[in-house]
PDB file of N, CA and C in Angstrom:
ATOM      1  N   MET A   1      80.812 145.655 -64.159  1.00  0.00           N
ATOM      2  CA  MET A   1      79.576 146.005 -64.261  1.00  0.00           C
ATOM      3  C   MET A   1      78.233 146.476 -63.822  1.00  0.00           C
ATOM      4  N   PRO A   2      77.795 147.699 -63.342  1.00  0.00           N
ATOM      5  CA  PRO A   2      76.504 147.509 -62.593  1.00  0.00           C
ATOM      6  C   PRO A   2      74.932 146.127 -63.421  1.00  0.00           C
ATOM      7  N   GLY A   3      74.180 145.567 -62.638  1.00  0.00           N
ATOM      8  CA  GLY A   3      73.481 144.935 -62.824  1.00  0.00           C
ATOM      9  C   GLY A   3      74.140 143.301 -63.214  1.00  0.00           C
ATOM     10  N   GLN A   4      75.407 143.182 -63.712  1.00  0.00           N
ATOM     11  CA  GLN A   4      75.837 142.024 -64.125  1.00  0.00           C
ATOM     12  C   GLN A   4      76.450 141.003 -62.646  1.00  0.00           C
ATOM     13  N   ASP A   5      76.273 139.771 -63.318  1.00  0.00           N
ATOM     14  CA  ASP A   5      76.233 138.249 -62.514  1.00  0.00           C
ATOM     15  C   ASP A   5      77.277 138.554 -61.510  1.00  0.00           C
ATOM     16  N   TRP A   6      77.935 138.054 -60.149  1.00  0.00           N
ATOM     17  CA  TRP A   6      79.024 138.297 -59.499  1.00  0.00           C
ATOM     18  C   TRP A   6      79.666 137.593 -60.028  1.00  0.00           C
ATOM     19  N   LEU A   7      79.147 135.842 -60.127  1.00  0.00           N
ATOM     20  CA  LEU A   7      80.077 134.683 -60.492  1.00  0.00           C
ATOM     21  C   LEU A   7      81.677 135.219 -61.927  1.00  0.00           C
ATOM     22  N   GLU A   8      79.785 136.016 -62.579  1.00  0.00           N
ATOM     23  CA  GLU A   8      80.755 136.021 -63.602  1.00  0.00           C
ATOM     24  C   GLU A   8      81.745 137.586 -63.786  1.00  0.00           C
ATOM     25  N   ALA A   9      81.394 138.297 -63.212  1.00  0.00           N
ATOM     26  CA  ALA A   9      81.855 139.315 -62.893  1.00  0.00           C
ATOM     27  C   ALA A   9      83.636 139.126 -62.334  1.00  0.00           C
ATOM     28  N   ALA A  10      83.238 138.475 -61.286  1.00  0.00           N
ATOM     29  CA  ALA A  10      84.464 137.509 -60.644  1.00  0.00           C
ATOM     30  C   ALA A  10      85.497 136.375 -61.508  1.00  0.00           C
ATOM     31  N   ARG A  11      84.510 135.936 -62.096  1.00  0.00           N
ATOM     32  CA  ARG A  11      85.725 134.772 -63.306  1.00  0.00           C
ATOM     33  C   ARG A  11      86.444 135.579 -63.935  1.00  0.00           C
ATOM     34  N   GLN A  12      85.700 137.121 -64.566  1.00  0.00           N
ATOM     35  CA  GLN A  12      86.638 138.351 -65.881  1.00  0.00           C
ATOM     36  C   GLN A  12      87.326 138.357 -64.993  1.00  0.00           C
ATOM     37  N   ALA A  13      87.010 138.530 -63.728  1.00  0.00           N
ATOM     38  CA  ALA A  13      88.533 139.544 -62.821  1.00  0.00           C
ATOM     39  C   ALA A  13      89.925 138.122 -62.435  1.00  0.00           C
ATOM     40  N   ALA A  14      89.300 136.953 -62.839  1.00  0.00           N
ATOM     41  CA  ALA A  14      90.391 136.181 -62.271  1.00  0.00           C
ATOM     42  C   ALA A  14      90.298 135.843 -61.644  1.00  0.00           C
ATOM     43  N   VAL A  15      88.881 135.757 -60.303  1.00  0.00           N
ATOM     44  CA  VAL A  15      88.819 135.151 -58.774  1.00  0.00           C
ATOM     45  C   VAL A  15      88.253 134.590 -58.829  1.00  0.00           C
ATOM     46  N   SER A  16      88.451 133.814 -57.361  1.00  0.00           N
ATOM     47  CA  SER A  16      87.414 132.835 -57.341  1.00  0.00           C
ATOM     48  C   SER A  16      86.425 132.664 -56.042  1.00  0.00           C
ATOM     49  N   ILE A  17      85.292 132.456 -56.553  1.00  0.00           N
ATOM     50  CA  ILE A  17      84.361 132.627 -55.597  1.00  0.00           C
ATOM     51  C   ILE A  17      83.929 131.584 -55.267  1.00  0.00           C
ATOM     52  N   PRO A  18      83.927 130.792 -54.144  1.00  0.00           N
ATOM     53  CA  PRO A  18      83.505 129.702 -53.661  1.00  0.00           C
ATOM     54  C   PRO A  18      81.994 129.562 -53.582  1.00  0.00           C
ATOM     55  N   THR A  19      81.187 128.442 -54.561  1.00  0.00           N
ATOM     56  CA  THR A  19      80.318 127.885 -54.815  1.00  0.00           C
ATOM     57  C   THR A  19      79.240 126.569 -53.912  1.00  0.00           C
ATOM     58  N   GLY A  20      77.842 127.128 -53.922  1.00  0.00           N
ATOM     59  CA  GLY A  20      77.424 125.149 -53.356  1.00  0.00           C
ATOM     60  C   GLY A  20      76.593 124.625 -54.131  1.00  0.00           C
ATOM     61  N   CYS A  21      75.128 125.843 -53.642  1.00  0.00           N
ATOM     62  CA  CYS A  21      74.505 125.143 -54.245  1.00  0.00           C
ATOM     63  C   CYS A  21      73.770 125.841 -55.308  1.00  0.00           C
ATOM     64  N   LEU A  22      74.699 126.950 -55.463  1.00  0.00           N
ATOM     65  CA  LEU A  22      73.679 128.218 -56.636  1.00  0.00           C
ATOM     66  C   LEU A  22      72.724 128.770 -56.750  1.00  0.00           C
ATOM     67  N   GLY A  23      72.245 128.566 -55.546  1.00  0.00           N
ATOM     68  CA  GLY A  23      70.241 128.375 -55.501  1.00  0.00           C
ATOM     69  C   GLY A  23      70.350 129.692 -54.548  1.00  0.00           C
ATOM     70  N   GLY A  24      71.355 130.436 -53.887  1.00  0.00           N
ATOM     71  CA  GLY A  24      71.795 131.394 -52.761  1.00  0.00           C
ATOM     72  C   GLY A  24      70.341 130.310 -50.864  1.00  0.00           C
ATOM     73  N   SER A  25      70.911 129.271 -50.708  1.00  0.00           N
ATOM     74  CA  SER A  25      70.378 128.809 -50.065  1.00  0.00           C
ATOM     75  C   SER A  25      71.785 128.253 -49.017  1.00  0.00           C
ATOM     76  N   CYS A  26      72.800 128.044 -49.126  1.00  0.00           N
ATOM     77  CA  CYS A  26      74.317 127.534 -48.453  1.00  0.00           C
ATOM     78  C   CYS A  26      74.377 128.945 -48.201  1.00  0.00           C
ATOM     79  N   GLY A  27      74.960 129.471 -48.842  1.00  0.00           N
ATOM     80  CA  GLY A  27      75.398 130.323 -47.988  1.00  0.00           C
ATOM     81  C   GLY A  27      77.279 130.149 -48.339  1.00  0.00           C
ATOM     82  N   ALA A  28      78.003 129.367 -49.633  1.00  0.00           N
ATOM     83  CA  ALA A  28      79.213 129.627 -49.452  1.00  0.00           C
ATOM     84  C   ALA A  28      80.032 130.096 -49.968  1.00  0.00           C
ATOM     85  N   CYS A  29      78.712 130.835 -50.654  1.00  0.00           N
ATOM     86  CA  CYS A  29      79.034 132.130 -52.448  1.00  0.00           C
ATOM     87  C   CYS A  29      79.347 133.298 -51.683  1.00  0.00           C
ATOM     88  N   GLU A  30      78.805 133.590 -50.083  1.00  0.00           N
ATOM     89  CA  GLU A  30      78.907 134.928 -49.721  1.00  0.00           C
ATOM     90  C   GLU A  30      79.813 136.321 -49.385  1.00  0.00           C
ATOM     91  N   ILE A  31      80.168 137.069 -50.031  1.00  0.00           N
ATOM     92  CA  ILE A  31      80.500 137.990 -50.187  1.00  0.00           C
ATOM     93  C   ILE A  31      80.002 138.995 -48.937  1.00  0.00           C
ATOM     94  N   GLU A  32      81.469 140.437 -49.222  1.00  0.00           N
ATOM     95  CA  GLU A  32      80.980 141.585 -48.182  1.00  0.00           C
ATOM     96  C   GLU A  32      81.132 142.140 -49.226  1.00  0.00           C
ATOM     97  N   VAL A  33      80.402 143.430 -49.703  1.00  0.00           N
ATOM     98  CA  VAL A  33      79.813 144.101 -50.252  1.00  0.00           C
ATOM     99  C   VAL A  33      79.441 145.671 -50.041  1.00  0.00           C
ATOM    100  N   ASN A  34      80.819 146.305 -49.744  1.00  0.00           N
ATOM    101  CA  ASN A  34      80.862 147.959 -49.413  1.00  0.00           C
ATOM    102  C   ASN A  34      79.302 147.543 -47.583  1.00  0.00           C
ATOM    103  N   GLY A  35      80.382 146.537 -46.887  1.00  0.00           N
ATOM    104  CA  GLY A  35      79.898 146.708 -45.443  1.00  0.00           C
ATOM    105  C   GLY A  35      79.194 145.420 -45.827  1.00  0.00           C
ATOM    106  N   ARG A  36      78.316 144.643 -46.623  1.00  0.00           N
ATOM    107  CA  ARG A  36      77.086 144.338 -46.592  1.00  0.00           C
ATOM    108  C   ARG A  36      77.248 143.183 -47.404  1.00  0.00           C
ATOM    109  N   MET A  37      76.629 141.456 -46.495  1.00  0.00           N
ATOM    110  CA  MET A  37      76.769 140.677 -47.262  1.00  0.00           C
ATOM    111  C   MET A  37      75.456 140.022 -48.431  1.00  0.00           C
ATOM    112  N   VAL A  38      76.135 139.566 -48.897  1.00  0.00           N
ATOM    113  CA  VAL A  38      75.328 139.329 -50.456  1.00  0.00           C
ATOM    114  C   VAL A  38      75.661 137.877 -50.548  1.00  0.00           C
ATOM    115  N   ARG A  39      75.211 136.775 -51.818  1.00  0.00           N
ATOM    116  CA  ARG A  39      75.343 135.730 -51.965  1.00  0.00           C
ATOM    117  C   ARG A  39      74.992 135.531 -53.095  1.00  0.00           C
ATOM    118  N   ALA A  40      76.377 135.968 -53.412  1.00  0.00           N
ATOM    119  CA  ALA A  40      76.941 136.077 -55.236  1.00  0.00           C
ATOM    120  C   ALA A  40      75.976 135.425 -56.128  1.00  0.00           C
ATOM    121  N   CYS A  41      75.758 134.076 -55.993  1.00  0.00           N
ATOM    122  CA  CYS A  41      75.322 133.243 -56.474  1.00  0.00           C
ATOM    123  C   CYS A  41      74.244 133.496 -56.898  1.00  0.00           C
ATOM    124  N   VAL A  42      73.305 134.452 -56.478  1.00  0.00           N
ATOM    125  CA  VAL A  42      71.889 134.834 -56.764  1.00  0.00           C
ATOM    126  C   VAL A  42      72.019 136.688 -56.461  1.00  0.00           C
ATOM    127  N   ALA A  43      72.644 137.537 -56.488  1.00  0.00           N
ATOM    128  CA  ALA A  43      73.460 138.588 -56.678  1.00  0.00           C
ATOM    129  C   ALA A  43      73.420 139.578 -57.805  1.00  0.00           C
ATOM    130  N   THR A  44      73.219 140.668 -57.596  1.00  0.00           N
ATOM    131  CA  THR A  44      74.203 141.063 -58.715  1.00  0.00           C
ATOM    132  C   THR A  44      74.846 142.258 -58.324  1.00  0.00           C
ATOM    133  N   VAL A  45      76.152 142.546 -59.369  1.00  0.00           N
ATOM    134  CA  VAL A  45      76.901 144.099 -59.277  1.00  0.00           C
ATOM    135  C   VAL A  45      75.873 144.915 -59.483  1.00  0.00           C
ATOM    136  N   PRO A  46      75.851 145.912 -58.647  1.00  0.00           N
ATOM    137  CA  PRO A  46      75.070 146.828 -58.234  1.00  0.00           C
ATOM    138  C   PRO A  46      75.925 148.350 -58.333  1.00  0.00           C
ATOM    139  N   ALA A  47      75.271 149.394 -58.721  1.00  0.00           N
ATOM    140  CA  ALA A  47      75.666 150.865 -59.189  1.00  0.00           C
ATOM    141  C   ALA A  47      76.121 151.122 -58.269  1.00  0.00           C
ATOM    142  N   CYS A  48      77.281 151.994 -58.787  1.00  0.00           N
ATOM    143  CA  CYS A  48      77.871 152.791 -57.142  1.00  0.00           C
ATOM    144  C   CYS A  48      77.805 154.127 -57.729  1.00  0.00           C
ATOM    145  N   PRO A  49      77.346 154.716 -56.474  1.00  0.00           N
ATOM    146  CA  PRO A  49      77.742 156.607 -57.317  1.00  0.00           C
ATOM    147  C   PRO A  49      79.184 156.795 -57.068  1.00  0.00           C
ATOM    148  N   GLY A  50      79.468 156.449 -56.206  1.00  0.00           N
ATOM    149  CA  GLY A  50      81.046 157.141 -56.135  1.00  0.00           C
ATOM    150  C   GLY A  50      81.906 155.801 -56.939  1.00  0.00           C
ATOM    151  N   GLY A  51      80.973 154.895 -57.727  1.00  0.00           N
ATOM    152  CA  GLY A  51      82.296 154.598 -58.840  1.00  0.00           C
ATOM    153  C   GLY A  51      83.323 153.429 -58.404  1.00  0.00           C
ATOM    154  N   ARG A  52      83.123 153.069 -56.921  1.00  0.00           N
ATOM    155  CA  ARG A  52      83.859 151.925 -56.361  1.00  0.00           C
ATOM    156  C   ARG A  52      83.205 150.976 -55.149  1.00  0.00           C
ATOM    157  N   LEU A  53      83.277 149.920 -55.687  1.00  0.00           N
ATOM    158  CA  LEU A  53      83.123 148.864 -54.597  1.00  0.00           C
ATOM    159  C   LEU A  53      84.249 148.006 -53.824  1.00  0.00           C
ATOM    160  N   THR A  54      84.295 148.249 -52.558  1.00  0.00           N
ATOM    161  CA  THR A  54      85.295 146.716 -52.081  1.00  0.00           C
ATOM    162  C   THR A  54      84.071 145.877 -51.941  1.00  0.00           C
ATOM    163  N   VAL A  55      84.814 144.521 -51.678  1.00  0.00           N
ATOM    164  CA  VAL A  55      84.319 143.448 -51.944  1.00  0.00           C
ATOM    165  C   VAL A  55      85.361 142.599 -51.266  1.00  0.00           C
ATOM    166  N   THR A  56      84.545 141.404 -50.001  1.00  0.00           N
ATOM    167  CA  THR A  56      85.701 140.698 -49.683  1.00  0.00           C
ATOM    168  C   THR A  56      85.023 139.871 -49.664  1.00  0.00           C
ATOM    169  N   LEU A  57      85.866 138.381 -49.593  1.00  0.00           N
ATOM    170  CA  LEU A  57      85.176 137.310 -49.207  1.00  0.00           C
ATOM    171  C   LEU A  57      84.995 136.743 -48.315  1.00  0.00           C
ATOM    172  N   ALA A  58      83.721 136.028 -47.725  1.00  0.00           N
ATOM    173  CA  ALA A  58      83.554 136.091 -46.453  1.00  0.00           C
ATOM    174  C   ALA A  58      84.090 134.102 -46.096  1.00  0.00           C
ATOM    175  N   CYS A  59      84.268 133.814 -44.901  1.00  0.00           N
ATOM    176  CA  CYS A  59      85.100 132.649 -44.110  1.00  0.00           C
ATOM    177  C   CYS A  59      84.297 132.013 -43.934  1.00  0.00           C
ATOM    178  N   ASP A  60      83.918 130.512 -43.768  1.00  0.00           N
ATOM    179  CA  ASP A  60      83.233 129.838 -43.756  1.00  0.00           C
ATOM    180  C   ASP A  60      83.643 128.867 -43.533  1.00  0.00           C
ATOM    181  N   PRO A  61      84.313 128.592 -42.147  1.00  0.00           N
ATOM    182  CA  PRO A  61      85.157 127.351 -41.533  1.00  0.00           C
ATOM    183  C   PRO A  61      84.688 125.740 -42.721  1.00  0.00           C
ATOM    184  N   HIS A  62      83.655 125.319 -42.814  1.00  0.00           N
ATOM    185  CA  HIS A  62      82.834 124.500 -43.151  1.00  0.00           C
ATOM    186  C   HIS A  62      83.311 124.707 -44.780  1.00  0.00           C
ATOM    187  N   TRP A  63      83.458 125.457 -45.835  1.00  0.00           N
ATOM    188  CA  TRP A  63      83.813 125.488 -46.617  1.00  0.00           C
ATOM    189  C   TRP A  63      84.953 125.593 -47.079  1.00  0.00           C
TER     190      TRP A  63
END
């Protein structure tokens, strides 16, 4: 749902997003949403006029 916390939305969809600081500074939870990088711990699900979001987990070799 638009406005929902990304980590909660992922949990409800049975998807695990790695976390670190939970404050947006470490980048462990970065996801790519429609081509834009966001930090899931401090971002919310955006409204999407087309009704479809493309989400990809970012890969960080340190996490």
